[in-house]
Structure formats: C-alpha cells, structure tokens
C-alpha cells in the first residue's frame, strides 16, 4: 500500500527501499515500532533509476546476474554507484556480487547499502521496488551522471579469544569450527540461555575475518577496522550450524568478536573526519548514512547525535 501510494503521488519517481530496525534523519534516531523514513532526491546532475528482483531463494549468483542485466539496459556506463537492499536473513552477498560482476558492462560501479531488517524478530524482512513489497527480493537504486562522491566505512567490534578455523561449511553456512559443531564452540563464549535467545545475543556477538588483500581499503580504514565483521542472522540447532551473509571456505580463519562502545564511537567519528577532509570543506549535496541495527537500541543512542553535530 505504501509503495502504491508513493507511485500515485510521484508517478515519475524511482521508488525503492526496505524494512529496517530504525530510521535516521538529521539529529534524530527513531527506533520505535512504528517509524517511517522517506527521502526524496531531485537533481539536474544526477539521474536515478531502480532495479529489482523478487523470489530469490538460494541462487544469489543468478539474482546478481539478473540485476546486472537490468543495469546494462538502464545504462551501465553512466552508473557510478548503486544502493543495494537485500533480504536480511538468508542473503549470500558474495554470490550476488559474483553474479553481478560476471554480467555487468561496468566493473567500476560502487555498491552501498545493507540487509533489510525486522526489528530483530528474525522472521521476515521486506524490500520495496516500484509498487512491489517483496519478502525475498533485492532492491537497487542506480546513481548515474557526472558527480563526485566520497565514502567511509568503520565498525566498532573487538576480537575475543583465540583465532579459530572453519573446518566444515557449505557456501555461507558454517557447520564446524575446529572440527566441532559451531553451536558447541559458541558454548565457550555463551550460556545456554544466550544461545536460546539468539536474536538478542547476535546484536553483540559476531564473527571477525581477516581483511582480504584485494579489498581496496584506505590505510586509515584498515587501521580503524583491523578485520571484517559478519553478522550471524540465523542458526540451525539440529545441525549445530550458523548462517552468515557471505560465503566461506574450509581453512578460513576467524575470531569471535563483540561490540565495543568506545571503539564504535571513536571509529565512527574518525570516518566523519576523513570525509570532511575528502570534501575539502565543501558542503555535499546530500549525505547517506547506513548503520548496523545493533548500534542504537541495544548499544548506544548518543553517538548518532555526536556524528550529526560533526557534519
């Protein structure tokens, strides 16, 4: 109904979006159960277009390829960036990226965005594409034209315990770590009650992976982040396994990681400072901020306001 009404009011608009854990606007972080954020872009320099796919099951390579076909038709050469919102509980983003890169006519398109959320119910997320509200889809906004953009990435986690090794896996499902079922390994870090209350526990617990050498991070980003983090949206009690949004392979090393409030704020403000340097004092036409859902309601509220004041 929301997407249909948006199209009725703005028939020429490229409508896309997703469900989330909260809404951010300048100086405000609203994480109530009933909140809605709408951003309207209008520009003489930037063109906007949307792409999307529905009914994505396990074949994220195909989904990425299907999106790339649409981008090619909409003008891949003119596309500088894409904002991508995917299904939030089963997504395999590396499959999507692989399929996209194998089909796109422009390998230089930058991607931003994140997983759709459902306020930590961990049951069903939604993606919005034109007049569709999808539960297993991918929605993308294309930014096309001659414009400059800057970005920064940071997280606020620290490693806990010793390095571990994945010894059995299937795509983005981790079955064993150090030759033990993953949920047995997690009992070294969590109580039975915490494992049972999964949706609350994974707000603070995640996996940390070494940063790949081919990942194009700046030195300051490498210094801030140290390792990549991966959210753990679901577990399988019968298998003793967990699922993450990216694929892994046997022999991959990792650490258990937890959120660190001080590091979160410090790295967030460093990211803002680095962007201020990149913009050379010029005021940007617009700023997009994508946050992990666990930062606000369960960790800290004030850092949103601190960062807004910097900008």
Protein backbone atom coordinates (compact mmCIF):
# COMPACT_ATOMS: atom_id res chain seq x y z
CA UNK A 1 0.00 0.00 0.00
CA UNK A 2 2.84 2.38 0.86
CA UNK A 3 4.66 1.79 -2.43
CA UNK A 4 1.44 2.08 -4.44
CA UNK A 5 0.60 5.40 -2.75
CA UNK A 6 4.16 6.69 -3.39
CA UNK A 7 3.84 5.88 -7.08
CA UNK A 8 0.45 7.53 -7.24
CA UNK A 9 1.81 10.75 -5.71
CA UNK A 10 5.12 10.69 -7.64
CA UNK A 11 4.50 8.72 -10.86
CA UNK A 12 7.89 9.63 -12.35
CA UNK A 13 9.87 8.75 -9.22
CA UNK A 14 12.16 5.73 -8.92
CA UNK A 15 10.86 4.15 -5.70
CA UNK A 16 12.91 1.66 -3.68
CA UNK A 17 13.69 0.84 -0.05
CA UNK A 18 13.44 -1.81 2.65
CA UNK A 19 12.22 -2.55 6.15
CA UNK A 20 14.68 -1.63 8.90
CA UNK A 21 15.39 -1.62 12.62
CA UNK A 22 15.09 2.17 12.84
CA UNK A 23 15.08 5.45 10.99
CA UNK A 24 17.86 8.06 10.87
CA UNK A 25 17.31 11.70 9.95
CA UNK A 26 19.47 14.69 10.81
CA UNK A 27 19.95 14.68 14.60
CA UNK A 28 17.29 12.02 15.20
CA UNK A 29 17.43 8.23 15.57
CA UNK A 30 13.90 6.79 15.80
CA UNK A 31 13.80 3.11 16.75
CA UNK A 32 10.16 2.85 17.74
CA UNK A 33 7.99 0.04 16.39
CA UNK A 34 6.16 2.41 14.05
CA UNK A 35 8.51 4.73 12.18
CA UNK A 36 8.94 5.61 8.55
CA UNK A 37 11.68 7.48 6.74
CA UNK A 38 11.26 8.84 3.22
CA UNK A 39 13.98 10.62 1.25
CA UNK A 40 13.16 12.40 -2.00
CA UNK A 41 16.01 13.04 -4.46
CA UNK A 42 15.76 15.62 -7.23
CA UNK A 43 18.80 16.71 -9.19
CA UNK A 44 19.84 18.24 -12.51
CA UNK A 45 23.22 16.49 -12.31
CA UNK A 46 22.36 13.03 -11.04
CA UNK A 47 19.93 10.66 -12.71
CA UNK A 48 18.17 7.96 -10.69
CA UNK A 49 16.85 4.59 -11.77
CA UNK A 50 15.79 1.41 -9.97
CA UNK A 51 16.36 -2.29 -10.50
CA UNK A 52 15.00 -5.24 -8.58
CA UNK A 53 14.35 -8.98 -8.43
CA UNK A 54 11.86 -11.00 -6.42
CA UNK A 55 11.58 -14.62 -5.27
CA UNK A 56 15.30 -15.05 -4.64
CA UNK A 57 15.88 -18.41 -2.93
CA UNK A 58 19.41 -19.81 -2.76
CA UNK A 59 20.70 -18.72 -6.17
CA UNK A 60 22.16 -15.30 -5.41
CA UNK A 61 24.55 -15.63 -8.35
CA UNK A 62 21.50 -15.65 -10.64
CA UNK A 63 19.97 -12.72 -8.75
CA UNK A 64 23.16 -10.68 -9.18
CA UNK A 65 23.24 -11.51 -12.88
CA UNK A 66 19.58 -10.53 -13.30
CA UNK A 67 20.23 -7.16 -11.62
CA UNK A 68 23.26 -6.59 -13.86
CA UNK A 69 21.13 -7.23 -16.97
CA UNK A 70 18.71 -4.53 -15.81
CA UNK A 71 21.59 -2.15 -15.05
CA UNK A 72 23.04 -2.76 -18.51
CA UNK A 73 19.69 -1.89 -20.06
CA UNK A 74 19.34 1.24 -17.89
CA UNK A 75 22.85 2.44 -18.79
CA UNK A 76 25.71 0.71 -17.01
CA UNK A 77 28.33 3.08 -18.46
CA UNK A 78 26.63 6.08 -16.81
CA UNK A 79 26.13 4.33 -13.45
CA UNK A 80 28.66 5.38 -10.80
CA UNK A 81 27.05 3.83 -7.73
CA UNK A 82 24.28 1.53 -6.55
CA UNK A 83 22.43 1.44 -3.26
CA UNK A 84 21.50 -2.20 -2.63
CA UNK A 85 18.98 -3.55 -0.11
CA UNK A 86 18.68 -7.34 0.11
CA UNK A 87 16.67 -9.89 2.05
CA UNK A 88 18.15 -9.82 5.54
CA UNK A 89 18.14 -13.38 6.91
CA UNK A 90 19.40 -15.71 4.17
CA UNK A 91 21.28 -13.41 1.80
CA UNK A 92 24.58 -14.56 0.31
CA UNK A 93 26.03 -11.25 -0.81
CA UNK A 94 29.22 -12.63 -2.32
CA UNK A 95 27.08 -14.79 -4.62
CA UNK A 96 25.13 -11.69 -5.63
CA UNK A 97 28.35 -9.74 -6.24
CA UNK A 98 29.89 -12.59 -8.24
CA UNK A 99 26.82 -12.88 -10.47
CA UNK A 100 26.67 -9.12 -10.92
CA UNK A 101 30.36 -8.77 -11.83
CA UNK A 102 30.16 -11.63 -14.34
CA UNK A 103 27.34 -9.88 -16.23
CA UNK A 104 27.74 -6.12 -15.80
CA UNK A 105 29.24 -3.96 -18.54
CA UNK A 106 30.78 -1.64 -15.92
CA UNK A 107 33.15 -3.14 -13.34
CA UNK A 108 33.67 0.22 -11.60
CA UNK A 109 30.19 0.62 -10.08
CA UNK A 110 30.44 1.20 -6.31
CA UNK A 111 27.90 -0.54 -4.06
CA UNK A 112 26.49 0.67 -0.75
CA UNK A 113 23.51 -0.36 1.36
CA UNK A 114 22.78 -3.32 3.60
CA UNK A 115 20.44 -6.07 4.67
CA UNK A 116 16.75 -5.42 5.29
CA UNK A 117 15.71 -5.86 8.93
CA UNK A 118 12.63 -6.68 11.01
CA UNK A 119 13.45 -5.08 14.36
CA UNK A 120 15.30 -8.23 15.49
CA UNK A 121 12.29 -10.53 15.23
CA UNK A 122 14.43 -12.59 12.81
CA UNK A 123 11.37 -13.84 10.92
CA UNK A 124 10.80 -11.89 7.71
CA UNK A 125 12.22 -8.78 6.06
CA UNK A 126 10.85 -6.68 3.20
CA UNK A 127 12.29 -4.91 0.19
CA UNK A 128 10.44 -2.25 -1.83
CA UNK A 129 10.79 -1.96 -5.61
CA UNK A 130 8.47 0.29 -7.60
CA UNK A 131 4.98 -0.82 -6.46
CA UNK A 132 6.15 -4.17 -5.09
CA UNK A 133 6.72 -5.09 -1.45
CA UNK A 134 8.91 -8.20 -1.58
CA UNK A 135 9.93 -10.61 1.16
CA UNK A 136 12.72 -12.44 -0.71
CA UNK A 137 13.97 -9.82 -3.07
CA UNK A 138 16.68 -7.31 -3.86
CA UNK A 139 16.03 -3.63 -4.50
CA UNK A 140 18.62 -1.30 -6.04
CA UNK A 141 18.89 2.43 -6.69
CA UNK A 142 21.23 3.48 -9.51
CA UNK A 143 23.03 6.83 -9.33
CA UNK A 144 24.04 7.98 -12.81
CA UNK A 145 25.74 11.04 -14.20
CA UNK A 146 28.79 13.25 -13.72
CA UNK A 147 29.27 13.81 -9.99
CA UNK A 148 31.82 13.24 -7.24
CA UNK A 149 31.28 11.03 -4.22
CA UNK A 150 33.21 10.06 -1.12
CA UNK A 151 32.64 7.31 1.40
CA UNK A 152 33.99 5.86 4.62
CA UNK A 153 33.44 2.54 6.41
CA UNK A 154 34.01 1.58 10.04
CA UNK A 155 32.84 -0.87 12.68
CA UNK A 156 33.03 -0.97 16.46
CA UNK A 157 33.99 -4.53 17.36
CA UNK A 158 36.94 -6.13 19.12
CA UNK A 159 38.19 -9.68 18.95
CA UNK A 160 37.67 -12.06 21.86
CA UNK A 161 39.61 -15.27 22.48
CA UNK A 162 41.99 -17.03 20.12
CA UNK A 163 41.91 -17.42 16.37
CA UNK A 164 39.66 -20.27 15.17
CA UNK A 165 39.45 -22.15 11.84
CA UNK A 166 36.45 -23.22 9.78
CA UNK A 167 36.69 -26.98 9.17
CA UNK A 168 33.32 -27.68 7.53
CA UNK A 169 30.98 -25.40 5.61
CA UNK A 170 28.53 -25.15 2.73
CA UNK A 171 28.55 -21.79 0.94
CA UNK A 172 27.50 -19.30 3.65
CA UNK A 173 26.54 -21.96 6.21
CA UNK A 174 29.30 -22.71 8.74
CA UNK A 175 28.91 -26.25 10.07
CA UNK A 176 32.09 -26.82 12.08
CA UNK A 177 34.84 -24.73 13.65
CA UNK A 178 37.98 -26.53 14.84
CA UNK A 179 36.24 -29.85 13.99
CA UNK A 180 33.32 -29.16 16.34
CA UNK A 181 29.74 -28.14 15.56
CA UNK A 182 29.63 -24.34 15.65
CA UNK A 183 27.00 -24.16 18.38
CA UNK A 184 29.21 -26.35 20.59
CA UNK A 185 32.09 -23.91 20.03
CA UNK A 186 29.84 -20.98 20.90
CA UNK A 187 29.17 -22.52 24.31
CA UNK A 188 32.73 -21.46 25.18
CA UNK A 189 31.53 -17.87 24.83
CA UNK A 190 27.80 -18.00 25.58
CA UNK A 191 25.44 -19.53 28.09
CA UNK A 192 22.64 -21.88 27.01
CA UNK A 193 20.15 -19.10 27.72
CA UNK A 194 22.05 -16.69 25.46
CA UNK A 195 22.14 -19.24 22.63
CA UNK A 196 18.40 -19.80 23.02
CA UNK A 197 17.78 -16.03 22.89
CA UNK A 198 19.56 -15.78 19.55
CA UNK A 199 18.02 -12.58 18.22
CA UNK A 200 19.25 -10.64 21.27
CA UNK A 201 22.62 -12.37 21.51
CA UNK A 202 23.76 -11.72 17.93
CA UNK A 203 23.29 -7.99 18.45
CA UNK A 204 26.60 -8.08 20.35
CA UNK A 205 28.28 -11.24 19.05
CA UNK A 206 29.62 -11.52 15.50
CA UNK A 207 32.43 -13.17 13.56
CA UNK A 208 35.66 -11.41 12.61
CA UNK A 209 37.59 -12.33 9.45
CA UNK A 210 40.99 -11.17 8.15
CA UNK A 211 40.74 -8.33 5.64
CA UNK A 212 41.35 -9.73 2.11
CA UNK A 213 44.39 -8.30 0.38
CA UNK A 214 42.36 -7.37 -2.70
CA UNK A 215 39.84 -5.33 -0.71
CA UNK A 216 40.51 -1.71 -1.61
CA UNK A 217 40.53 -0.06 1.82
CA UNK A 218 42.47 3.06 2.63
CA UNK A 219 45.21 2.85 5.26
CA UNK A 220 43.04 4.75 7.73
CA UNK A 221 40.15 2.32 7.15
CA UNK A 222 42.46 -0.66 7.69
CA UNK A 223 43.79 0.92 10.87
CA UNK A 224 40.28 1.54 12.18
CA UNK A 225 38.74 -1.79 11.26
CA UNK A 226 41.57 -4.34 11.65
CA UNK A 227 39.26 -7.14 10.48
CA UNK A 228 35.92 -7.63 8.73
CA UNK A 229 32.85 -8.44 10.78
CA UNK A 230 29.95 -10.69 9.81
CA UNK A 231 26.50 -10.68 11.38
CA UNK A 232 25.02 -14.11 12.26
CA UNK A 233 21.31 -13.85 11.44
CA UNK A 234 20.35 -17.48 11.95
CA UNK A 235 21.34 -20.83 13.45
CA UNK A 236 20.25 -24.43 12.98
CA UNK A 237 20.01 -26.24 16.31
CA UNK A 238 19.73 -29.68 14.69
CA UNK A 239 22.83 -29.22 12.52
CA UNK A 240 24.65 -27.15 15.09
CA UNK A 241 25.39 -24.63 12.31
CA UNK A 242 25.14 -20.88 11.72
CA UNK A 243 24.49 -18.79 8.60
CA UNK A 244 26.22 -15.54 7.65
CA UNK A 245 25.62 -13.19 4.66
CA UNK A 246 28.82 -14.16 2.79
CA UNK A 247 30.31 -17.44 1.66
CA UNK A 248 33.27 -19.08 3.38
CA UNK A 249 35.63 -21.95 2.67
CA UNK A 250 37.34 -24.66 4.69
CA UNK A 251 40.53 -23.34 6.25
CA UNK A 252 39.25 -19.79 6.66
CA UNK A 253 40.46 -18.26 9.92
CA UNK A 254 38.24 -16.17 12.17
CA UNK A 255 37.75 -14.74 15.62
CA UNK A 256 34.69 -14.40 17.78
CA UNK A 257 34.03 -10.68 18.16
CA UNK A 258 31.93 -8.42 20.33
CA UNK A 259 30.85 -4.82 20.15
CA UNK A 260 32.95 -2.23 21.93
CA UNK A 261 31.11 1.01 22.66
CA UNK A 262 34.22 3.20 22.87
CA UNK A 263 35.69 1.80 19.67
CA UNK A 264 32.34 2.19 17.92
CA UNK A 265 32.16 5.90 18.66
CA UNK A 266 35.86 6.54 18.05
CA UNK A 267 35.86 4.87 14.62
CA UNK A 268 32.56 6.45 13.63
CA UNK A 269 33.90 9.94 14.33
CA UNK A 270 37.15 9.14 12.52
CA UNK A 271 35.11 8.20 9.45
CA UNK A 272 33.29 11.52 9.59
CA UNK A 273 36.59 13.41 9.94
CA UNK A 274 38.08 11.57 6.96
CA UNK A 275 35.09 12.51 4.82
CA UNK A 276 35.39 16.15 5.88
CA UNK A 277 38.98 16.06 4.63
CA UNK A 278 37.93 14.43 1.35
CA UNK A 279 35.25 17.05 0.67
CA UNK A 280 37.82 19.85 1.27
CA UNK A 281 35.36 21.95 3.20
CA UNK A 282 32.66 21.89 0.52
CA UNK A 283 29.11 21.14 1.58
CA UNK A 284 27.86 17.91 -0.05
CA UNK A 285 24.55 17.93 -1.92
CA UNK A 286 23.39 15.04 0.24
CA UNK A 287 24.70 12.53 2.76
CA UNK A 288 23.60 8.91 3.19
CA UNK A 289 24.32 7.07 6.42
CA UNK A 290 23.86 3.29 6.73
CA UNK A 291 24.06 1.86 10.24
CA UNK A 292 24.05 -1.61 11.73
CA UNK A 293 20.81 -2.13 13.67
CA UNK A 294 22.64 -3.22 16.80
CA UNK A 295 24.30 0.16 17.32
CA UNK A 296 21.27 2.03 18.54
CA UNK A 297 18.61 0.35 20.62
CA UNK A 298 20.90 -2.22 22.23
CA UNK A 299 24.25 -0.44 22.34
CA UNK A 300 24.14 3.35 22.40
CA UNK A 301 21.93 6.19 21.22
CA UNK A 302 24.04 9.29 21.68
CA UNK A 303 26.64 8.54 19.00
CA UNK A 304 24.10 9.30 16.25
CA UNK A 305 23.78 12.82 17.59
CA UNK A 306 27.53 13.21 18.08
CA UNK A 307 28.19 12.31 14.47
CA UNK A 308 25.42 14.60 13.19
CA UNK A 309 26.99 17.51 15.10
CA UNK A 310 30.33 16.86 13.35
CA UNK A 311 28.62 17.16 9.99
